Protein backbone atom coordinates (compact mmCIF):
# COMPACT_ATOMS: atom_id res chain seq x y z
CA MET A 1 -38.17 11.03 -11.54
CA ALA A 2 -39.09 14.67 -12.31
CA GLU A 3 -36.64 17.27 -11.06
CA LYS A 4 -37.61 19.47 -8.11
CA TYR A 5 -36.81 23.14 -8.72
CA ASN A 6 -35.89 25.89 -6.26
CA ILE A 7 -37.57 29.15 -7.25
CA LEU A 8 -36.89 32.53 -5.66
CA ILE A 9 -39.51 35.29 -6.00
CA SER A 10 -38.68 38.80 -4.83
CA GLY A 11 -40.57 42.07 -4.52
CA GLY A 12 -43.44 43.67 -2.66
CA GLY A 13 -44.13 46.87 -0.76
CA THR A 14 -47.74 47.18 -1.95
CA GLY A 15 -50.62 44.86 -2.79
CA GLY A 16 -49.91 45.77 -6.41
CA HIS A 17 -46.63 43.84 -6.25
CA ILE A 18 -47.68 41.11 -3.81
CA PHE A 19 -50.88 39.82 -5.43
CA PRO A 20 -49.21 39.20 -8.85
CA ALA A 21 -46.23 37.54 -7.11
CA VAL A 22 -48.54 35.14 -5.24
CA SER A 23 -50.49 34.46 -8.47
CA ILE A 24 -47.22 33.51 -10.21
CA ALA A 25 -46.24 31.25 -7.28
CA ASN A 26 -49.65 29.52 -7.36
CA ALA A 27 -49.33 28.92 -11.11
CA LEU A 28 -45.78 27.57 -10.67
CA ARG A 29 -47.06 25.08 -8.11
CA ARG A 30 -49.74 23.91 -10.55
CA HIS A 31 -47.15 23.11 -13.23
CA LEU A 32 -43.88 22.27 -11.48
CA ASP A 33 -42.60 20.27 -8.54
CA CYS A 34 -40.88 23.16 -6.76
CA ASN A 35 -39.76 24.81 -3.53
CA ILE A 36 -40.67 28.50 -3.55
CA LEU A 37 -39.02 31.10 -1.34
CA PHE A 38 -40.07 34.76 -1.31
CA VAL A 39 -37.75 37.64 -0.41
CA GLY A 40 -39.44 40.88 0.70
CA ALA A 41 -38.70 44.05 2.63
CA GLU A 42 -38.86 43.93 6.43
CA ASN A 43 -41.86 45.75 7.97
CA ARG A 44 -43.74 45.83 4.65
CA MET A 45 -47.06 44.13 3.98
CA GLU A 46 -45.54 41.15 2.12
CA MET A 47 -44.15 39.86 5.46
CA GLU A 48 -47.77 39.24 6.51
CA LYS A 49 -49.53 38.55 3.18
CA VAL A 50 -47.09 36.00 1.73
CA PRO A 51 -47.15 33.60 4.76
CA ALA A 52 -50.96 33.98 4.79
CA ALA A 53 -50.92 32.67 1.20
CA GLY A 54 -48.89 29.64 2.33
CA TYR A 55 -45.34 30.59 1.34
CA LYS A 56 -42.07 31.11 3.23
CA ILE A 57 -40.54 34.59 3.12
CA GLU A 58 -37.22 36.15 4.15
CA GLY A 59 -37.06 39.89 4.88
CA LEU A 60 -34.35 42.36 3.87
CA PRO A 61 -33.80 45.64 5.83
CA VAL A 62 -34.03 47.59 2.55
CA ALA A 63 -35.86 50.95 2.32
CA GLY A 64 -36.74 53.45 -0.39
CA PHE A 65 -34.59 56.46 -1.21
CA ASN A 66 -35.67 59.90 -0.02
CA ARG A 67 -35.79 61.93 -3.25
CA LYS A 68 -36.53 65.24 -1.50
CA ASN A 69 -33.82 65.25 1.17
CA LEU A 70 -30.62 63.52 0.03
CA PHE A 71 -28.99 63.77 3.49
CA LYS A 72 -31.64 61.43 4.89
CA ASN A 73 -30.30 58.65 2.63
CA VAL A 74 -27.26 57.76 4.78
CA PRO A 75 -29.26 55.20 6.85
CA VAL A 76 -30.91 54.01 3.60
CA LEU A 77 -27.46 53.25 2.14
CA VAL A 78 -26.48 51.32 5.29
CA LYS A 79 -29.71 49.27 4.96
CA LEU A 80 -28.98 48.67 1.28
CA TRP A 81 -25.47 47.38 2.09
CA LYS A 82 -26.91 45.01 4.73
CA SER A 83 -29.61 43.90 2.27
CA ILE A 84 -27.06 43.09 -0.44
CA ARG A 85 -25.08 40.94 2.01
CA LYS A 86 -28.20 39.13 3.23
CA ALA A 87 -29.48 38.61 -0.34
CA ARG A 88 -26.17 37.00 -1.32
CA LYS A 89 -26.43 34.61 1.64
CA ILE A 90 -30.04 33.70 0.74
CA VAL A 91 -29.01 32.93 -2.86
CA LYS A 92 -25.99 30.89 -1.68
CA ASP A 93 -28.06 28.86 0.83
CA PHE A 94 -31.25 28.35 -1.23
CA LYS A 95 -29.45 27.64 -4.56
CA PRO A 96 -32.31 28.79 -6.80
CA ASP A 97 -32.75 27.47 -10.35
CA ILE A 98 -34.29 30.83 -11.25
CA ALA A 99 -35.00 34.17 -9.51
CA ILE A 100 -38.14 36.15 -10.42
CA GLY A 101 -38.40 39.89 -9.68
CA VAL A 102 -41.83 41.54 -9.51
CA GLY A 103 -40.69 45.03 -8.48
CA GLY A 104 -40.53 46.69 -5.07
CA TYR A 105 -37.65 47.51 -2.73
CA ALA A 106 -36.38 43.97 -2.14
CA SER A 107 -36.18 42.85 -5.76
CA GLY A 108 -33.06 44.94 -6.57
CA PRO A 109 -30.61 43.41 -4.08
CA THR A 110 -32.10 39.92 -4.51
CA LEU A 111 -32.04 39.77 -8.31
CA LYS A 112 -28.60 41.42 -8.43
CA ALA A 113 -27.27 38.76 -6.02
CA ALA A 114 -28.82 36.03 -8.18
CA GLN A 115 -27.31 37.44 -11.39
CA ARG A 116 -23.86 37.72 -9.76
CA ALA A 117 -24.12 34.08 -8.74
CA GLY A 118 -24.98 33.04 -12.30
CA VAL A 119 -28.62 32.25 -11.53
CA PRO A 120 -30.97 32.95 -14.48
CA THR A 121 -33.53 35.69 -13.82
CA LEU A 122 -36.96 36.74 -15.07
CA LEU A 123 -38.33 40.24 -14.54
CA GLN A 124 -41.99 41.16 -14.40
CA GLU A 125 -42.57 44.85 -15.19
CA GLN A 126 -46.14 45.77 -14.30
CA ASN A 127 -46.27 49.42 -15.36
CA SER A 128 -46.29 51.24 -18.69
CA TYR A 129 -43.20 53.16 -17.51
CA ALA A 130 -40.41 50.85 -16.36
CA GLY A 131 -39.00 51.14 -12.84
CA VAL A 132 -35.34 51.97 -12.18
CA THR A 133 -34.59 48.56 -10.61
CA ASN A 134 -35.86 46.58 -13.60
CA LYS A 135 -34.02 48.85 -16.03
CA LEU A 136 -30.75 48.17 -14.17
CA LEU A 137 -31.36 44.41 -14.09
CA ALA A 138 -32.62 44.06 -17.69
CA SER A 139 -29.33 43.47 -19.52
CA LYS A 140 -28.66 40.22 -17.63
CA ALA A 141 -32.27 39.00 -17.40
CA GLY A 142 -33.32 35.92 -19.35
CA SER A 143 -36.82 37.27 -20.02
CA ILE A 144 -38.81 40.42 -19.25
CA CYS A 145 -42.58 39.96 -18.95
CA VAL A 146 -44.53 43.19 -19.58
CA ALA A 147 -48.15 44.38 -19.53
CA TYR A 148 -47.97 47.17 -22.10
CA GLU A 149 -46.82 47.47 -25.69
CA GLY A 150 -43.91 49.78 -26.59
CA MET A 151 -41.61 48.68 -23.73
CA GLU A 152 -38.64 48.54 -26.15
CA ARG A 153 -38.02 52.11 -24.91
CA PHE A 154 -36.70 50.59 -21.68
CA PHE A 155 -35.63 47.01 -22.37
CA PRO A 156 -33.81 44.94 -25.03
CA ALA A 157 -36.57 44.08 -27.54
CA GLU A 158 -35.50 40.44 -27.89
CA LYS A 159 -36.10 39.80 -24.17
CA ILE A 160 -39.60 41.29 -23.98
CA VAL A 161 -42.66 39.03 -23.71
CA LEU A 162 -46.14 40.61 -23.59
CA THR A 163 -47.92 38.64 -20.85
CA GLY A 164 -50.02 41.17 -18.95
CA ASN A 165 -50.18 41.34 -15.15
CA PRO A 166 -51.49 38.36 -13.19
CA VAL A 167 -54.94 38.99 -11.71
CA ARG A 168 -56.22 37.29 -8.55
CA LYS A 169 -57.96 34.08 -9.62
CA ASP A 170 -60.80 34.59 -7.12
CA LEU A 171 -61.81 37.81 -8.92
CA MET A 172 -62.19 36.01 -12.24
CA GLU A 173 -63.88 32.91 -10.85
CA ALA A 174 -66.38 34.50 -8.47
CA ARG A 175 -68.27 36.72 -10.92
CA LYS A 176 -71.74 37.49 -9.57
CA GLU A 177 -74.80 38.96 -11.21
CA LYS A 178 -74.92 42.73 -10.50
CA GLY A 179 -78.14 42.74 -8.43
CA LYS A 180 -77.07 39.81 -6.24
CA ALA A 181 -73.64 41.39 -5.71
CA ARG A 182 -75.30 44.61 -4.48
CA GLU A 183 -77.60 42.68 -2.15
CA SER A 184 -74.55 40.95 -0.62
CA PHE A 185 -73.53 44.43 0.63
CA GLY A 186 -77.05 45.16 1.91
CA LEU A 187 -77.75 47.51 -1.01
CA ALA A 188 -80.77 47.75 -3.34
CA ALA A 189 -80.42 45.48 -6.40
CA GLU A 190 -81.67 48.06 -8.92
CA ARG A 191 -79.96 51.32 -7.90
CA PRO A 192 -76.87 52.62 -9.73
CA THR A 193 -73.75 51.93 -7.67
CA VAL A 194 -70.28 53.47 -7.54
CA LEU A 195 -67.29 51.58 -6.13
CA ILE A 196 -64.55 53.82 -4.70
CA VAL A 197 -61.26 52.08 -3.93
CA GLY A 198 -58.83 54.03 -1.77
CA GLY A 199 -56.18 51.29 -1.84
CA SER A 200 -54.87 49.16 1.03
CA LEU A 201 -53.30 52.15 2.81
CA GLY A 202 -55.73 54.86 1.71
CA ALA A 203 -55.49 57.49 -1.01
CA ARG A 204 -55.83 60.78 0.88
CA THR A 205 -56.95 63.13 -1.91
CA LEU A 206 -59.36 60.58 -3.35
CA ASN A 207 -60.86 59.86 0.07
CA GLU A 208 -61.15 63.54 1.07
CA SER A 209 -62.86 64.39 -2.23
CA ILE A 210 -65.54 61.74 -1.54
CA GLU A 211 -65.79 62.58 2.19
CA ALA A 212 -66.68 66.20 1.41
CA ARG A 213 -69.65 65.26 -0.81
CA ILE A 214 -70.77 61.75 0.19
CA ARG A 215 -74.32 62.93 1.01
CA GLU A 216 -74.81 64.19 -2.55
CA PHE A 217 -74.42 60.64 -3.87
CA ILE A 218 -77.38 59.47 -1.78
CA ASP A 219 -79.42 62.60 -2.59
CA ARG A 220 -79.01 61.76 -6.29
CA GLY A 221 -80.32 58.22 -5.82
CA LEU A 222 -76.88 56.57 -6.08
CA GLN A 223 -75.34 53.89 -3.89
CA VAL A 224 -71.70 53.86 -2.80
CA ILE A 225 -69.29 51.11 -1.78
CA TRP A 226 -66.29 53.02 -0.43
CA GLN A 227 -63.11 51.28 0.66
CA THR A 228 -61.01 53.91 2.44
CA GLY A 229 -57.80 52.01 3.35
CA LYS A 230 -56.45 51.89 6.89
CA ASN A 231 -54.75 55.32 7.03
CA PHE A 232 -58.08 57.17 6.71
CA GLY A 233 -59.16 55.81 10.11
CA ASP A 234 -62.86 56.23 10.93
CA ARG A 235 -63.33 59.42 8.87
CA GLY A 236 -65.22 57.55 6.11
CA PRO A 237 -67.82 55.91 8.39
CA GLN A 238 -68.24 59.24 10.25
CA ALA A 239 -68.92 61.11 6.98
CA ALA A 240 -71.50 58.51 5.91
CA LYS A 241 -73.18 58.13 9.31
CA GLY A 242 -76.93 57.61 8.97
CA LEU A 243 -76.83 57.45 5.16
CA LYS A 244 -78.82 54.58 3.65
CA GLY A 245 -77.11 53.28 0.53
CA ALA A 246 -73.51 53.97 1.60
CA VAL A 247 -71.24 51.06 2.61
CA VAL A 248 -67.96 52.39 4.01
CA THR A 249 -65.13 50.17 5.20
CA GLN A 250 -61.32 50.24 5.53
CA PHE A 251 -60.95 46.93 3.72
CA ILE A 252 -63.18 44.84 1.43
CA ASN A 253 -62.75 41.09 1.78
CA ASP A 254 -64.98 40.20 -1.18
CA MET A 255 -63.56 42.35 -3.99
CA ALA A 256 -65.16 40.11 -6.62
CA SER A 257 -68.64 41.12 -5.40
CA ALA A 258 -67.62 44.77 -4.98
CA TYR A 259 -66.50 44.95 -8.63
CA ALA A 260 -69.61 43.07 -9.80
CA ALA A 261 -71.91 45.49 -7.94
CA ALA A 262 -70.43 48.60 -9.56
CA ASP A 263 -71.56 50.53 -12.64
CA LEU A 264 -68.45 52.71 -12.24
CA VAL A 265 -65.20 52.19 -10.33
CA VAL A 266 -63.05 55.03 -8.95
CA SER A 267 -59.47 53.98 -8.24
CA ARG A 268 -55.79 54.86 -8.16
CA ALA A 269 -53.91 53.81 -11.32
CA GLY A 270 -51.61 51.10 -9.98
CA ALA A 271 -50.76 48.39 -12.49
CA SER A 272 -52.59 45.59 -10.65
CA SER A 273 -55.78 47.63 -10.24
CA ILE A 274 -55.76 48.49 -13.95
CA SER A 275 -55.26 44.84 -14.92
CA GLU A 276 -58.22 43.85 -12.75
CA LEU A 277 -60.41 46.56 -14.31
CA GLN A 278 -59.36 45.43 -17.81
CA ASN A 279 -60.00 41.75 -17.15
CA LEU A 280 -63.40 42.49 -15.58
CA GLY A 281 -64.36 45.10 -18.20
CA LYS A 282 -65.25 47.86 -15.71
CA ALA A 283 -65.84 51.52 -16.61
CA CYS A 284 -63.57 53.58 -14.39
CA VAL A 285 -62.28 56.97 -13.25
CA LEU A 286 -58.55 56.81 -12.48
CA VAL A 287 -56.90 59.23 -10.03
CA PRO A 288 -53.13 58.56 -10.32
CA SER A 289 -51.08 58.79 -7.16
CA PRO A 290 -48.48 61.59 -7.41
CA ASN A 291 -46.30 59.87 -4.78
CA VAL A 292 -44.80 57.13 -6.96
CA ALA A 293 -41.50 56.74 -8.81
CA GLU A 294 -41.31 58.46 -12.21
CA ASP A 295 -45.02 59.37 -11.92
CA HIS A 296 -45.73 55.93 -13.43
CA GLN A 297 -49.41 55.90 -12.37
CA THR A 298 -50.14 58.91 -14.59
CA LYS A 299 -48.53 57.06 -17.51
CA ASN A 300 -50.60 53.95 -16.70
CA ALA A 301 -53.81 56.01 -16.61
CA LEU A 302 -53.02 57.83 -19.86
CA ALA A 303 -52.49 54.50 -21.63
CA LEU A 304 -56.22 53.86 -20.97
CA ALA A 305 -57.56 57.43 -21.23
CA ASN A 306 -55.95 57.85 -24.67
CA ARG A 307 -58.03 54.89 -25.89
CA ASP A 308 -61.29 56.08 -24.25
CA ALA A 309 -61.04 53.08 -21.91
CA ALA A 310 -61.03 55.25 -18.76
CA VAL A 311 -61.39 58.85 -17.59
CA MET A 312 -58.39 60.34 -15.79
CA VAL A 313 -58.68 63.01 -13.08
CA THR A 314 -55.32 64.16 -11.67
CA ASP A 315 -54.72 64.20 -7.94
CA ALA A 316 -54.47 68.01 -8.03
CA GLU A 317 -57.82 68.29 -9.87
CA ALA A 318 -59.65 65.73 -7.70
CA PRO A 319 -61.00 68.07 -4.95
CA GLN A 320 -62.77 70.21 -7.59
CA LYS A 321 -63.48 67.73 -10.40
CA LEU A 322 -63.72 64.13 -9.15
CA VAL A 323 -67.25 64.01 -7.79
CA ASP A 324 -68.76 66.01 -10.67
CA THR A 325 -66.99 63.69 -13.13
CA ILE A 326 -68.54 60.68 -11.38
CA PHE A 327 -72.01 62.24 -11.51
CA SER A 328 -71.77 63.09 -15.22
CA LEU A 329 -70.52 59.58 -16.13
CA ILE A 330 -72.99 57.59 -14.05
CA GLY A 331 -75.87 59.24 -15.91
CA ASP A 332 -74.40 58.53 -19.36
CA LYS A 333 -75.18 54.88 -20.13
CA LYS A 334 -73.69 55.01 -23.64
CA LYS A 335 -70.39 56.44 -22.38
CA LEU A 336 -70.20 53.72 -19.67
CA ALA A 337 -70.91 50.98 -22.24
CA ASP A 338 -68.25 52.36 -24.61
CA MET A 339 -65.68 52.48 -21.80
CA GLU A 340 -66.49 48.90 -20.79
CA LYS A 341 -65.98 47.72 -24.38
CA ASN A 342 -62.72 49.65 -24.82
CA ILE A 343 -61.16 48.56 -21.52
CA SER A 344 -62.12 44.92 -22.14
CA GLU A 345 -60.29 45.03 -25.48
CA MET A 346 -57.08 45.97 -23.62
CA ALA A 347 -57.23 42.92 -21.30
CA LEU A 348 -54.44 40.34 -21.41
CA THR A 349 -55.75 37.10 -19.88
CA ASP A 350 -54.02 34.09 -18.28
CA SER A 351 -50.96 36.21 -17.50
CA ASP A 352 -49.78 33.91 -14.71
CA GLU A 353 -49.78 30.92 -17.11
CA LYS A 354 -47.84 32.89 -19.74
CA ILE A 355 -45.21 33.93 -17.16
CA VAL A 356 -44.84 30.33 -15.95
CA ALA A 357 -44.30 29.22 -19.57
CA GLU A 358 -41.39 31.71 -19.74
CA VAL A 359 -40.00 30.45 -16.41
CA MET A 360 -40.07 26.87 -17.70
CA LYS A 361 -38.29 27.85 -20.93
CA ILE A 362 -35.50 29.52 -18.93
CA ILE A 363 -34.92 26.74 -16.37
CA LYS A 364 -34.94 24.01 -19.02
CA ARG A 365 -32.42 25.77 -21.27
């Protein structure tokens, strides 16, 4: 009889960590008879999204460090100590055959506890600039799955496997023809359309730059699908009130159709978003978030901009430059076509399957 494996997956904090983690879990279930347990951070979105995807999750009281005010880190250290103790208990009770870390607050204590207990580990580094947690865990990891070349700067070269970042299967399988995708949003099939993605929480600078000039899009004969994220409240719908050709919402359920409808996508430069844009071959303007560790979104965006696969507008430049950049690109069909070709060439497909192949190698050693 085939062996049943216990697999621990840890990480989260943003959709950019959660969606790849769930994709890996789904692929593991397709190939292995296994029990899967997630470990996330309490009060973060994984505590809701992971059970919704059909998986059990345990929460740690871990929180991020305050880099601006070091005195505020005393309660953070207390939470970290509690998280380490709880992670050790989870590892002891669950007895995993392997622990997989996808980044995010919870993955540090969990993967460290697994390594201390002699459990083999696999790291998935999504960004072009490695996070502190993965760098600390790398020496004892069995394999490190990456999405960018040149990661030998951060990790032992012999452990690196270029897999790419897992992309939500529904995005790849539900590709619609552009006109039909636009009509599904109540938009005209033939008019040029811009998709603006403010992220699950809402990218303030990006949103405010669009809010200030949303009427100009319509005046120029363009259509807009604008996902603001929840923190922007009702400001987006208020700004677009009465405008025909503007669809504004806090959250888009059918992202596959939203991508298909767009001639140009405007987005933050998180690793998951970039992998989706690469796999779908979408021309894009990237506005990196300045509020991330080691400014890794800027490094992600530059990896594309340096190959003419995207245009980067910094967060500081966005209020002055973003909308004019969109207008100049949307009218340049050759530039859009070149960007689509270049970004498609950077895509790494079937990443979830490649990561599972690495997992299977490690647990069968």
